[in-house]
C-alpha atoms as a PDB file:
ATOM      1  CA  MET A   1      22.564 100.423  -0.874  1.00  0.00           C
ATOM      2  CA  PHE A   2      25.297  98.912  -2.828  1.00  0.00           C
ATOM      3  CA  ARG A   3      28.422 100.789  -3.313  1.00  0.00           C
ATOM      4  CA  LYS A   4      30.402 100.549  -6.476  1.00  0.00           C
ATOM      5  CA  LYS A   5      33.867  99.607  -5.680  1.00  0.00           C
ATOM      6  CA  SER A   6      36.405 101.127  -7.939  1.00  0.00           C
ATOM      7  CA  TYR A   7      39.194  98.943  -8.696  1.00  0.00           C
ATOM      8  CA  GLN A   8      42.370 100.776  -9.585  1.00  0.00           C
ATOM      9  CA  ILE A   9      45.617  99.153 -10.492  1.00  0.00           C
ATOM     10  CA  LYS A  10      48.476 100.630  -8.860  1.00  0.00           C
ATOM     11  CA  THR A  11      51.705 100.803 -10.795  1.00  0.00           C
ATOM     12  CA  SER A  12      53.532  99.556  -7.661  1.00  0.00           C
ATOM     13  CA  ASP A  13      51.371  96.350  -7.945  1.00  0.00           C
ATOM     14  CA  LEU A  14      52.287  95.618 -11.579  1.00  0.00           C
ATOM     15  CA  ARG A  15      55.518  93.904 -11.918  1.00  0.00           C
ATOM     16  CA  LYS A  16      57.925  95.720 -14.027  1.00  0.00           C
ATOM     17  CA  MET A  17      58.977  93.703 -17.066  1.00  0.00           C
ATOM     18  CA  LEU A  18      62.532  93.920 -18.091  1.00  0.00           C
ATOM     19  CA  LEU A  19      63.451  94.845 -21.666  1.00  0.00           C
ATOM     20  CA  VAL A  20      64.632  91.405 -22.339  1.00  0.00           C
ATOM     21  CA  GLU A  21      61.337  89.877 -21.276  1.00  0.00           C
ATOM     22  CA  LYS A  22      59.421  92.353 -23.497  1.00  0.00           C
ATOM     23  CA  VAL A  23      61.553  91.492 -26.465  1.00  0.00           C
ATOM     24  CA  SER A  24      61.094  87.676 -25.669  1.00  0.00           C
ATOM     25  CA  LEU A  25      57.371  88.287 -25.451  1.00  0.00           C
ATOM     26  CA  VAL A  26      57.357  90.012 -28.821  1.00  0.00           C
ATOM     27  CA  LEU A  27      59.225  86.885 -30.292  1.00  0.00           C
ATOM     28  CA  LEU A  28      56.987  84.355 -28.485  1.00  0.00           C
ATOM     29  CA  ILE A  29      53.620  85.720 -29.652  1.00  0.00           C
ATOM     30  CA  PRO A  30      54.366  85.466 -33.370  1.00  0.00           C
ATOM     31  CA  ALA A  31      56.006  82.013 -32.766  1.00  0.00           C
ATOM     32  CA  ASN A  32      52.742  80.816 -31.082  1.00  0.00           C
ATOM     33  CA  LEU A  33      50.650  82.233 -34.047  1.00  0.00           C
ATOM     34  CA  CYS A  34      52.932  80.616 -36.563  1.00  0.00           C
ATOM     35  CA  PHE A  35      52.867  77.165 -34.823  1.00  0.00           C
ATOM     36  CA  SER A  36      49.103  77.368 -34.289  1.00  0.00           C
ATOM     37  CA  LEU A  37      48.307  78.139 -37.887  1.00  0.00           C
ATOM     38  CA  ALA A  38      50.799  75.360 -39.022  1.00  0.00           C
ATOM     39  CA  ALA A  39      49.168  72.862 -36.724  1.00  0.00           C
ATOM     40  CA  ILE A  40      45.688  73.217 -38.092  1.00  0.00           C
ATOM     41  CA  THR A  41      46.743  72.865 -41.816  1.00  0.00           C
ATOM     42  CA  HIS A  42      47.474  69.823 -43.929  1.00  0.00           C
ATOM     43  CA  MET A  43      50.327  71.428 -45.809  1.00  0.00           C
ATOM     44  CA  TRP A  44      53.493  70.258 -43.851  1.00  0.00           C
ATOM     45  CA  PHE A  45      54.898  68.020 -46.523  1.00  0.00           C
ATOM     46  CA  GLU A  46      53.939  66.689 -50.031  1.00  0.00           C
ATOM     47  CA  LEU A  47      54.861  63.302 -51.203  1.00  0.00           C
ATOM     48  CA  SER A  48      53.618  61.891 -54.584  1.00  0.00           C
ATOM     49  CA  GLY A  49      50.659  64.347 -54.656  1.00  0.00           C
ATOM     50  CA  VAL A  50      49.517  63.682 -51.128  1.00  0.00           C
ATOM     51  CA  HIS A  51      49.544  66.620 -48.661  1.00  0.00           C
ATOM     52  CA  TYR A  52      50.506  65.448 -45.177  1.00  0.00           C
ATOM     53  CA  GLY A  53      49.613  67.612 -42.073  1.00  0.00           C
ATOM     54  CA  LEU A  54      49.806  67.020 -38.369  1.00  0.00           C
ATOM     55  CA  TRP A  55      46.133  65.822 -37.904  1.00  0.00           C
ATOM     56  CA  TRP A  56      45.094  64.840 -41.376  1.00  0.00           C
ATOM     57  CA  ALA A  57      46.402  64.035 -44.867  1.00  0.00           C
ATOM     58  CA  LYS A  58      44.822  65.268 -48.293  1.00  0.00           C
ATOM     59  CA  PHE A  59      44.720  62.698 -50.954  1.00  0.00           C
ATOM     60  CA  CYS A  60      43.857  63.836 -54.410  1.00  0.00           C
ATOM     61  CA  GLN A  61      42.950  61.482 -57.301  1.00  0.00           C
ATOM     62  CA  SER A  62      43.740  62.081 -60.932  1.00  0.00           C
ATOM     63  CA  SER A  63      40.121  63.077 -61.473  1.00  0.00           C
ATOM     64  CA  GLY A  64      40.481  66.028 -59.291  1.00  0.00           C
ATOM     65  CA  ASP A  65      38.553  64.487 -56.248  1.00  0.00           C
ATOM     66  CA  CYS A  66      40.269  65.107 -52.935  1.00  0.00           C
ATOM     67  CA  GLN A  67      39.702  63.477 -49.586  1.00  0.00           C
ATOM     68  CA  LEU A  68      40.810  64.523 -46.112  1.00  0.00           C
ATOM     69  CA  VAL A  69      41.767  61.398 -44.131  1.00  0.00           C
ATOM     70  CA  PRO A  70      42.701  61.481 -40.404  1.00  0.00           C
ATOM     71  CA  ALA A  71      46.556  61.141 -40.184  1.00  0.00           C
ATOM     72  CA  PHE A  72      46.597  58.049 -38.099  1.00  0.00           C
ATOM     73  CA  PHE A  73      44.913  56.061 -40.873  1.00  0.00           C
ATOM     74  CA  THR A  74      47.940  56.569 -43.169  1.00  0.00           C
ATOM     75  CA  ASN A  75      50.878  54.101 -43.351  1.00  0.00           C
ATOM     76  CA  GLU A  76      52.451  54.795 -39.945  1.00  0.00           C
ATOM     77  CA  PRO A  77      49.853  55.249 -37.284  1.00  0.00           C
ATOM     78  CA  PHE A  78      52.227  54.741 -34.259  1.00  0.00           C
ATOM     79  CA  CYS A  79      54.684  57.256 -35.566  1.00  0.00           C
ATOM     80  CA  TYR A  80      51.957  59.747 -36.131  1.00  0.00           C
ATOM     81  CA  HIS A  81      50.788  59.448 -32.564  1.00  0.00           C
ATOM     82  CA  LEU A  82      54.303  60.096 -31.389  1.00  0.00           C
ATOM     83  CA  LEU A  83      54.490  63.098 -33.612  1.00  0.00           C
ATOM     84  CA  GLN A  84      51.189  64.485 -32.419  1.00  0.00           C
ATOM     85  CA  VAL A  85      52.279  64.041 -28.787  1.00  0.00           C
ATOM     86  CA  ALA A  86      55.664  65.832 -29.584  1.00  0.00           C
ATOM     87  CA  CYS A  87      53.803  68.757 -31.276  1.00  0.00           C
ATOM     88  CA  LEU A  88      51.240  69.082 -28.442  1.00  0.00           C
ATOM     89  CA  PHE A  89      54.111  69.106 -25.952  1.00  0.00           C
ATOM     90  CA  ALA A  90      55.853  71.821 -27.990  1.00  0.00           C
ATOM     91  CA  TRP A  91      52.679  73.859 -28.336  1.00  0.00           C
ATOM     92  CA  GLY A  92      52.053  73.593 -24.664  1.00  0.00           C
ATOM     93  CA  GLY A  93      55.605  74.692 -23.736  1.00  0.00           C
ATOM     94  CA  LEU A  94      55.249  77.604 -26.146  1.00  0.00           C
ATOM     95  CA  SER A  95      52.073  78.730 -24.627  1.00  0.00           C
ATOM     96  CA  LEU A  96      53.311  78.150 -21.015  1.00  0.00           C
ATOM     97  CA  ALA A  97      56.348  80.260 -21.661  1.00  0.00           C
ATOM     98  CA  THR A  98      54.247  83.069 -23.142  1.00  0.00           C
ATOM     99  CA  TYR A  99      51.802  82.884 -20.118  1.00  0.00           C
ATOM    100  CA  MET A 100      54.662  82.855 -17.658  1.00  0.00           C
ATOM    101  CA  LEU A 101      56.031  86.117 -19.164  1.00  0.00           C
ATOM    102  CA  LEU A 102      52.592  87.737 -19.147  1.00  0.00           C
ATOM    103  CA  SER A 103      51.594  86.690 -15.526  1.00  0.00           C
ATOM    104  CA  THR A 104      53.312  86.015 -12.215  1.00  0.00           C
ATOM    105  CA  LYS A 105      50.670  83.465 -11.190  1.00  0.00           C
ATOM    106  CA  MET A 106      52.816  80.573 -12.153  1.00  0.00           C
ATOM    107  CA  ASP A 107      55.873  81.720 -10.132  1.00  0.00           C
ATOM    108  CA  HIS A 108      54.998  79.684  -7.004  1.00  0.00           C
ATOM    109  CA  ARG A 109      55.260  76.481  -9.186  1.00  0.00           C
ATOM    110  CA  ILE A 110      58.842  77.332 -10.150  1.00  0.00           C
ATOM    111  CA  PRO A 111      61.395  75.428  -8.051  1.00  0.00           C
ATOM    112  CA  LYS A 112      62.751  77.371  -5.230  1.00  0.00           C
ATOM    113  CA  THR A 113      66.231  77.370  -6.531  1.00  0.00           C
ATOM    114  CA  LEU A 114      65.064  79.027  -9.772  1.00  0.00           C
ATOM    115  CA  ARG A 115      62.632  81.536  -8.293  1.00  0.00           C
ATOM    116  CA  PRO A 116      65.166  84.481  -8.030  1.00  0.00           C
ATOM    117  CA  LYS A 117      65.844  83.960 -11.818  1.00  0.00           C
ATOM    118  CA  ARG A 118      62.569  83.197 -13.214  1.00  0.00           C
ATOM    119  CA  GLN A 119      63.845  84.015 -16.685  1.00  0.00           C
ATOM    120  CA  ILE A 120      66.061  80.932 -16.493  1.00  0.00           C
ATOM    121  CA  ALA A 121      63.028  78.754 -15.772  1.00  0.00           C
ATOM    122  CA  ILE A 122      61.076  80.253 -18.745  1.00  0.00           C
ATOM    123  CA  SER A 123      64.102  79.822 -20.979  1.00  0.00           C
ATOM    124  CA  VAL A 124      64.339  76.107 -20.030  1.00  0.00           C
ATOM    125  CA  ILE A 125      60.655  75.709 -21.012  1.00  0.00           C
ATOM    126  CA  CYS A 126      61.436  77.433 -24.340  1.00  0.00           C
ATOM    127  CA  PHE A 127      64.384  75.194 -25.018  1.00  0.00           C
ATOM    128  CA  MET A 128      62.382  72.046 -24.215  1.00  0.00           C
ATOM    129  CA  SER A 129      59.576  73.208 -26.515  1.00  0.00           C
ATOM    130  CA  VAL A 130      62.059  74.097 -29.307  1.00  0.00           C
ATOM    131  CA  PHE A 131      63.597  70.593 -28.818  1.00  0.00           C
ATOM    132  CA  ALA A 132      60.149  68.923 -29.162  1.00  0.00           C
ATOM    133  CA  MET A 133      59.211  71.167 -32.086  1.00  0.00           C
ATOM    134  CA  SER A 134      62.326  70.509 -34.158  1.00  0.00           C
ATOM    135  CA  GLY A 135      62.277  66.847 -33.220  1.00  0.00           C
ATOM    136  CA  ALA A 136      58.754  66.588 -34.485  1.00  0.00           C
ATOM    137  CA  LEU A 137      59.589  68.232 -37.775  1.00  0.00           C
ATOM    138  CA  TYR A 138      62.520  65.874 -38.278  1.00  0.00           C
ATOM    139  CA  LEU A 139      60.391  62.904 -37.175  1.00  0.00           C
ATOM    140  CA  PHE A 140      57.748  63.894 -39.637  1.00  0.00           C
ATOM    141  CA  TYR A 141      60.223  64.273 -42.504  1.00  0.00           C
ATOM    142  CA  PHE A 142      61.770  60.795 -41.517  1.00  0.00           C
ATOM    143  CA  ILE A 143      58.352  59.129 -41.548  1.00  0.00           C
ATOM    144  CA  LEU A 144      57.513  60.481 -45.011  1.00  0.00           C
ATOM    145  CA  ASP A 145      61.000  59.654 -46.338  1.00  0.00           C
ATOM    146  CA  GLU A 146      60.561  55.984 -45.425  1.00  0.00           C
ATOM    147  CA  PHE A 147      57.255  55.658 -47.278  1.00  0.00           C
ATOM    148  CA  PRO A 148      57.589  53.168 -50.196  1.00  0.00           C
ATOM    149  CA  THR A 149      57.442  55.106 -53.455  1.00  0.00           C
ATOM    150  CA  GLU A 150      58.300  53.981 -56.943  1.00  0.00           C
ATOM    151  CA  PRO A 151      61.011  56.203 -57.777  1.00  0.00           C
ATOM    152  CA  LYS A 152      62.821  57.406 -54.699  1.00  0.00           C
ATOM    153  CA  VAL A 153      61.121  60.771 -54.178  1.00  0.00           C
ATOM    154  CA  LEU A 154      62.029  62.960 -51.249  1.00  0.00           C
ATOM    155  CA  PRO A 155      59.147  64.754 -49.310  1.00  0.00           C
ATOM    156  CA  GLU A 156      58.679  68.340 -50.446  1.00  0.00           C
ATOM    157  CA  LEU A 157      58.601  71.067 -47.723  1.00  0.00           C
ATOM    158  CA  LYS A 158      55.410  73.042 -47.702  1.00  0.00           C
ATOM    159  CA  TRP A 159      54.565  76.391 -46.123  1.00  0.00           C
ATOM    160  CA  SER A 160      53.295  74.923 -42.834  1.00  0.00           C
ATOM    161  CA  SER A 161      56.622  73.196 -42.115  1.00  0.00           C
ATOM    162  CA  ILE A 162      58.324  76.505 -42.818  1.00  0.00           C
ATOM    163  CA  LEU A 163      56.073  78.191 -40.299  1.00  0.00           C
ATOM    164  CA  VAL A 164      56.981  75.617 -37.734  1.00  0.00           C
ATOM    165  CA  GLY A 165      60.714  76.193 -38.422  1.00  0.00           C
ATOM    166  CA  LEU A 166      60.153  79.884 -38.067  1.00  0.00           C
ATOM    167  CA  ALA A 167      58.299  79.383 -34.765  1.00  0.00           C
ATOM    168  CA  CYS A 168      61.151  77.163 -33.648  1.00  0.00           C
ATOM    169  CA  LEU A 169      63.668  79.857 -34.393  1.00  0.00           C
ATOM    170  CA  LEU A 170      61.648  82.613 -32.802  1.00  0.00           C
ATOM    171  CA  GLU A 171      61.256  80.606 -29.638  1.00  0.00           C
ATOM    172  CA  PHE A 172      64.899  79.614 -29.592  1.00  0.00           C
ATOM    173  CA  VAL A 173      66.043  83.264 -29.743  1.00  0.00           C
ATOM    174  CA  ALA A 174      63.646  84.275 -27.014  1.00  0.00           C
ATOM    175  CA  GLY A 175      65.040  81.350 -24.818  1.00  0.00           C
ATOM    176  CA  ILE A 176      68.590  82.641 -25.477  1.00  0.00           C
ATOM    177  CA  LEU A 177      67.587  86.235 -24.659  1.00  0.00           C
ATOM    178  CA  LEU A 178      65.940  85.070 -21.341  1.00  0.00           C
ATOM    179  CA  LEU A 179      68.940  83.033 -20.555  1.00  0.00           C
ATOM    180  CA  GLN A 180      71.186  86.284 -20.857  1.00  0.00           C
ATOM    181  CA  ALA A 181      69.000  88.229 -18.461  1.00  0.00           C
END
């Protein structure tokens, strides 16, 4: 009664990816993993024994007891909201650039003047995301640097902020490669 339809993907139906797009995709996937891992941790910066992350801060007492506190309950709630919005914008741009390289479903949303060179549109998204990511990293450092501490102690970089910097670098290189295509 019911026939099984066999769905075959023809090679002519698949869009051939340029080598530059493949290399950019190889750079964007680890960048997305690095930023995702960094975003869920509380190890971006350390200041006076307190570990600050994007969503929460870890306060440890001298007795060894530690508490995770939502980030907006710390000293600068407005700046944290600004930081979180910048990071979400950067994360969204990074994910959108990766998706646009993998699929052509978003091509109809690209402005008509940029459709013949979709790589330029994707590279613009990469650059906007890199700008938001590096701006968020700078803003985070600036927020913590302004905290009142007894002796003037600078915030110490932790592994999550290094992952964000690596993601920023990888996405920037991918954007430059796409711009050259």
